[in-house]
Amino acid sequence: MERMNIKTVLLIFVVFSGLIFSQVYSEEIPDLFTKGNNFYAKGKVDSALSCYQKIINEGYESGQLYYNIGNCFYRKGDIARAILNYERAKKYIPGDPALKQNLKLAGLRVVDKITPMPEFFLVRIFNSIIFALPQKALIIISSIFYVIASIFIVMLIVLRQQSIKSICRPALAVSLSILIISILSLFAHVQSQKKNRRAVITAEKVEVQSAPSSEEGVTLFTLHSGTVVKIENLRDNWAEIVLKDGKVGWIKYSNLEEVWPQ
């Protein structure tokens, strides 16, 4: 009976794991992606963009996909949309060295040079830990360890052999710990995305107003295409933005594009 129970538990584990990974890999559209890469290599940037956009329209997203789209816009000279897609790629591959390098190169071509406000070192350390892995990886890890923890719980309930239970208990504790940490990290990602609505200025030049009105507001400063801002508030067709150096003002919403629209 115990052997049958062990086999049953293992079978459940294999089935659930297979479902998880099949869902992940079924999202891939390798033919379109390869076709787009080939177009890009031949200098046919618009054709490459068309392939990549079809992939996004199918509901698939990845860091490499947005990275390639950013490269296409960079070659077209559209620095604002290159930065926009590099910023989107950061959600999936935040530590990728090529992405960091290209984002830095694109930033050199932006007119506005904004020095970020200093960040408290404990906050910086906390963010480096919490945001070390992208959301998709955290979802996969959470799903896997949810299944693993569930299997160990079933084994502890069903099996009677104490020697096996003595192994299952610490394994369950480790699995639950990883599950909790991954879920908390995922929650932090989602909350950060909601609170930090980032956008990129797509207009060539925009005057930042003191109020959400061209008539009532006073021009505070000017921003140019490619500058990354944080959206603090929306009112009618206006967006209250905050720069990395702490400056605040209002611009028309049509002059920017959100990294992740809500």
Protein backbone atom coordinates (compact mmCIF):
# COMPACT_ATOMS: atom_id res chain seq x y z
CA MET A 1 0.00 0.00 0.00
CA GLU A 2 2.83 2.38 0.89
CA ARG A 3 4.61 1.68 -2.38
CA MET A 4 1.44 2.41 -4.28
CA ASN A 5 0.99 5.65 -2.36
CA ILE A 6 4.54 6.76 -3.16
CA LYS A 7 4.04 6.00 -6.84
CA THR A 8 0.76 7.89 -6.83
CA VAL A 9 2.34 10.94 -5.21
CA LEU A 10 5.23 10.91 -7.67
CA LEU A 11 2.80 10.59 -10.56
CA ILE A 12 0.88 13.65 -9.31
CA PHE A 13 4.15 15.57 -9.08
CA VAL A 14 5.17 14.66 -12.64
CA VAL A 15 1.74 15.56 -14.05
CA PHE A 16 1.56 18.95 -12.30
CA SER A 17 5.16 19.80 -13.20
CA GLY A 18 4.47 18.88 -16.80
CA LEU A 19 1.45 21.13 -16.89
CA ILE A 20 3.46 24.03 -15.53
CA PHE A 21 6.32 23.71 -18.00
CA SER A 22 4.07 22.97 -20.97
CA GLN A 23 2.25 26.22 -20.26
CA VAL A 24 5.54 28.12 -20.18
CA TYR A 25 6.97 26.65 -23.37
CA SER A 26 3.68 26.60 -25.27
CA GLU A 27 3.82 30.40 -25.22
CA GLU A 28 6.98 30.45 -27.32
CA ILE A 29 6.65 31.35 -31.00
CA PRO A 30 10.12 30.42 -32.29
CA ASP A 31 9.37 30.66 -36.01
CA LEU A 32 8.22 34.28 -35.92
CA PHE A 33 11.03 35.22 -33.56
CA THR A 34 13.68 33.60 -35.78
CA LYS A 35 12.14 35.23 -38.84
CA GLY A 36 12.29 38.62 -37.15
CA ASN A 37 15.91 38.09 -36.16
CA ASN A 38 16.79 37.19 -39.74
CA PHE A 39 15.10 40.32 -41.05
CA TYR A 40 17.01 42.39 -38.49
CA ALA A 41 20.33 40.80 -39.51
CA LYS A 42 19.61 41.75 -43.13
CA GLY A 43 18.83 45.35 -42.15
CA LYS A 44 15.08 45.00 -42.79
CA VAL A 45 14.12 46.64 -39.51
CA ASP A 46 10.47 47.33 -40.32
CA SER A 47 9.92 43.69 -41.33
CA ALA A 48 11.60 42.55 -38.11
CA LEU A 49 9.34 44.85 -36.08
CA SER A 50 6.30 43.43 -37.83
CA CYS A 51 7.28 39.90 -36.79
CA TYR A 52 7.96 40.92 -33.21
CA GLN A 53 4.65 42.79 -32.99
CA LYS A 54 2.77 39.70 -34.20
CA ILE A 55 4.34 37.76 -31.33
CA ILE A 56 3.15 40.37 -28.82
CA ASN A 57 -0.32 40.33 -30.40
CA GLU A 58 -0.40 36.58 -29.71
CA GLY A 59 0.00 37.36 -26.01
CA TYR A 60 3.66 36.37 -25.64
CA GLU A 61 6.19 38.66 -23.94
CA SER A 62 9.81 38.20 -22.98
CA GLY A 63 12.86 40.24 -22.14
CA GLN A 64 14.65 39.21 -25.33
CA LEU A 65 11.63 40.14 -27.43
CA TYR A 66 11.41 43.67 -26.02
CA TYR A 67 15.19 43.96 -26.19
CA ASN A 68 15.11 43.17 -29.91
CA ILE A 69 12.26 45.63 -30.47
CA GLY A 70 14.32 48.27 -28.69
CA ASN A 71 17.27 47.52 -30.97
CA CYS A 72 15.03 47.95 -34.03
CA PHE A 73 13.87 51.38 -32.89
CA TYR A 74 17.45 52.33 -32.03
CA ARG A 75 18.53 51.54 -35.59
CA LYS A 76 15.58 53.56 -36.89
CA GLY A 77 16.77 56.52 -34.82
CA ASP A 78 13.65 56.51 -32.62
CA ILE A 79 15.51 56.74 -29.31
CA ALA A 80 12.38 57.32 -27.22
CA ARG A 81 10.76 54.03 -28.28
CA ALA A 82 14.09 52.25 -28.07
CA ILE A 83 14.35 53.28 -24.42
CA LEU A 84 10.67 52.46 -23.90
CA ASN A 85 11.19 48.86 -25.00
CA TYR A 86 14.50 48.50 -23.17
CA GLU A 87 12.64 49.56 -20.03
CA ARG A 88 10.00 46.91 -20.76
CA ALA A 89 12.72 44.31 -21.20
CA LYS A 90 14.02 45.12 -17.69
CA LYS A 91 10.90 43.49 -16.25
CA TYR A 92 12.09 40.12 -17.53
CA ILE A 93 15.89 40.42 -17.72
CA PRO A 94 16.81 43.17 -15.24
CA GLY A 95 20.43 42.10 -14.87
CA ASP A 96 21.21 41.43 -18.53
CA PRO A 97 24.55 43.14 -19.37
CA ALA A 98 23.70 43.72 -23.05
CA LEU A 99 20.42 45.38 -22.06
CA LYS A 100 22.19 47.62 -19.55
CA GLN A 101 24.79 48.59 -22.14
CA ASN A 102 22.24 49.42 -24.86
CA LEU A 103 20.08 51.35 -22.43
CA LYS A 104 23.15 53.34 -21.43
CA LEU A 105 24.04 54.02 -25.08
CA ALA A 106 20.49 55.14 -25.84
CA GLY A 107 20.54 57.38 -22.77
CA LEU A 108 23.60 59.19 -24.11
CA ARG A 109 21.48 60.37 -27.04
CA VAL A 110 18.79 61.88 -24.80
CA VAL A 111 19.00 65.65 -24.44
CA ASP A 112 17.97 65.81 -20.78
CA LYS A 113 20.68 64.66 -18.36
CA ILE A 114 18.99 64.11 -15.01
CA THR A 115 20.96 63.17 -11.89
CA PRO A 116 18.92 60.81 -9.67
CA MET A 117 18.42 61.65 -6.00
CA PRO A 118 20.66 59.58 -3.70
CA GLU A 119 19.03 56.37 -2.46
CA PHE A 120 19.37 55.15 1.14
CA PHE A 121 21.78 52.20 1.08
CA LEU A 122 19.43 49.87 3.00
CA VAL A 123 16.69 50.54 0.45
CA ARG A 124 19.16 49.85 -2.34
CA ILE A 125 20.20 46.54 -0.77
CA PHE A 126 16.57 45.54 -0.18
CA ASN A 127 15.63 46.30 -3.79
CA SER A 128 18.63 44.40 -5.15
CA ILE A 129 17.45 41.30 -3.26
CA ILE A 130 13.71 41.56 -3.90
CA PHE A 131 14.05 42.43 -7.57
CA ALA A 132 16.92 40.07 -8.36
CA LEU A 133 14.58 37.78 -10.33
CA PRO A 134 11.97 38.85 -12.91
CA GLN A 135 8.26 38.30 -12.33
CA LYS A 136 7.95 35.40 -14.76
CA ALA A 137 10.73 33.48 -13.00
CA LEU A 138 9.04 34.11 -9.64
CA ILE A 139 5.73 32.82 -10.98
CA ILE A 140 7.41 29.62 -12.21
CA ILE A 141 9.27 29.13 -8.93
CA SER A 142 6.12 29.74 -6.88
CA SER A 143 4.14 27.27 -9.00
CA ILE A 144 6.79 24.57 -8.78
CA PHE A 145 7.27 24.83 -5.02
CA TYR A 146 3.52 25.00 -4.46
CA VAL A 147 3.25 21.60 -6.17
CA ILE A 148 6.27 20.24 -4.28
CA ALA A 149 4.97 21.45 -0.91
CA SER A 150 1.53 19.98 -1.68
CA ILE A 151 3.10 16.60 -2.47
CA PHE A 152 5.05 16.55 0.79
CA ILE A 153 1.87 17.42 2.71
CA VAL A 154 0.02 14.56 1.03
CA MET A 155 2.90 12.20 1.79
CA LEU A 156 2.87 13.20 5.46
CA ILE A 157 -0.86 12.55 5.64
CA VAL A 158 -1.00 9.33 3.62
CA LEU A 159 2.24 7.53 4.50
CA ARG A 160 2.75 5.81 7.82
CA GLN A 161 6.43 4.97 7.65
CA GLN A 162 8.23 7.28 10.09
CA SER A 163 11.54 7.12 8.24
CA ILE A 164 9.95 8.68 5.16
CA LYS A 165 8.06 11.24 7.24
CA SER A 166 11.29 12.30 8.92
CA ILE A 167 12.62 13.20 5.46
CA CYS A 168 9.41 14.86 4.31
CA ARG A 169 9.13 17.28 7.25
CA PRO A 170 12.38 19.24 6.66
CA ALA A 171 11.83 19.05 2.89
CA LEU A 172 8.36 20.52 3.37
CA ALA A 173 9.76 23.30 5.58
CA VAL A 174 12.33 24.23 2.91
CA SER A 175 9.71 24.11 0.14
CA LEU A 176 7.29 26.31 2.09
CA SER A 177 10.07 28.79 2.89
CA ILE A 178 11.01 29.15 -0.78
CA LEU A 179 7.33 29.39 -1.72
CA ILE A 180 6.67 32.17 0.80
CA ILE A 181 9.76 34.14 -0.23
CA SER A 182 8.93 33.87 -3.93
CA ILE A 183 5.30 34.92 -3.34
CA LEU A 184 6.38 37.91 -1.23
CA SER A 185 8.90 38.93 -3.91
CA LEU A 186 6.23 38.61 -6.58
CA PHE A 187 3.86 40.73 -4.49
CA ALA A 188 6.59 43.37 -4.11
CA HIS A 189 7.06 43.39 -7.90
CA VAL A 190 3.36 43.94 -8.51
CA GLN A 191 3.05 46.69 -5.89
CA SER A 192 6.15 48.43 -7.20
CA GLN A 193 4.74 48.36 -10.72
CA LYS A 194 1.47 49.89 -9.51
CA LYS A 195 3.11 52.62 -7.45
CA ASN A 196 5.92 53.43 -9.88
CA ARG A 197 4.16 54.09 -13.16
CA ARG A 198 7.07 54.87 -15.43
CA ALA A 199 6.75 56.46 -18.84
CA VAL A 200 8.96 57.80 -21.61
CA ILE A 201 8.57 61.20 -23.24
CA THR A 202 7.81 60.50 -26.90
CA ALA A 203 7.21 64.09 -28.05
CA GLU A 204 10.27 65.83 -29.47
CA LYS A 205 9.94 68.67 -26.95
CA VAL A 206 7.42 69.35 -24.21
CA GLU A 207 6.98 72.22 -21.74
CA VAL A 208 6.23 71.08 -18.19
CA GLN A 209 3.52 73.14 -16.51
CA SER A 210 2.88 73.97 -12.86
CA ALA A 211 -0.80 72.97 -13.24
CA PRO A 212 -2.81 70.67 -15.54
CA SER A 213 -3.70 73.54 -17.86
CA SER A 214 -1.85 75.51 -20.51
CA GLU A 215 -3.77 78.65 -19.55
CA GLU A 216 -3.56 78.42 -15.76
CA GLY A 217 -0.15 76.81 -15.45
CA VAL A 218 3.31 78.35 -15.63
CA THR A 219 6.10 76.69 -17.61
CA LEU A 220 8.56 75.21 -15.12
CA PHE A 221 11.06 73.51 -17.40
CA THR A 222 11.35 71.69 -20.72
CA LEU A 223 11.80 68.00 -21.43
CA HIS A 224 12.81 66.20 -24.59
CA SER A 225 12.21 62.88 -26.29
CA GLY A 226 13.53 59.80 -24.48
CA THR A 227 13.41 61.13 -20.91
CA VAL A 228 12.08 58.59 -18.42
CA VAL A 229 9.57 59.95 -15.89
CA LYS A 230 7.31 58.63 -13.15
CA ILE A 231 3.57 59.27 -13.38
CA GLU A 232 2.29 60.47 -10.03
CA ASN A 233 -1.26 61.43 -10.96
CA LEU A 234 -3.64 61.71 -13.92
CA ARG A 235 -6.24 64.42 -14.46
CA ASP A 236 -8.29 64.61 -17.63
CA ASN A 237 -5.70 64.53 -20.44
CA TRP A 238 -2.83 65.60 -18.20
CA ALA A 239 -0.23 63.62 -16.28
CA GLU A 240 1.62 64.79 -13.20
CA ILE A 241 5.20 63.60 -13.58
CA VAL A 242 8.14 63.29 -11.23
CA LEU A 243 11.74 63.24 -12.45
CA LYS A 244 14.57 61.24 -10.90
CA ASP A 245 15.95 64.44 -9.39
CA GLY A 246 12.64 65.20 -7.63
CA LYS A 247 11.25 67.85 -10.00
CA VAL A 248 7.47 67.77 -10.42
CA GLY A 249 5.16 69.16 -13.09
CA TRP A 250 2.29 68.50 -15.50
CA ILE A 251 2.36 67.54 -19.18
CA LYS A 252 -0.28 66.34 -21.61
CA TYR A 253 -0.64 62.56 -21.45
CA SER A 254 -0.32 62.30 -25.24
CA ASN A 255 3.29 63.46 -24.98
CA LEU A 256 4.42 60.26 -23.26
CA GLU A 257 3.98 56.50 -23.41
CA GLU A 258 3.79 54.32 -20.32
CA VAL A 259 6.22 51.45 -19.92
CA TRP A 260 3.39 49.30 -18.58
CA PRO A 261 0.00 50.97 -19.17
CA GLN A 262 -2.60 50.35 -16.46
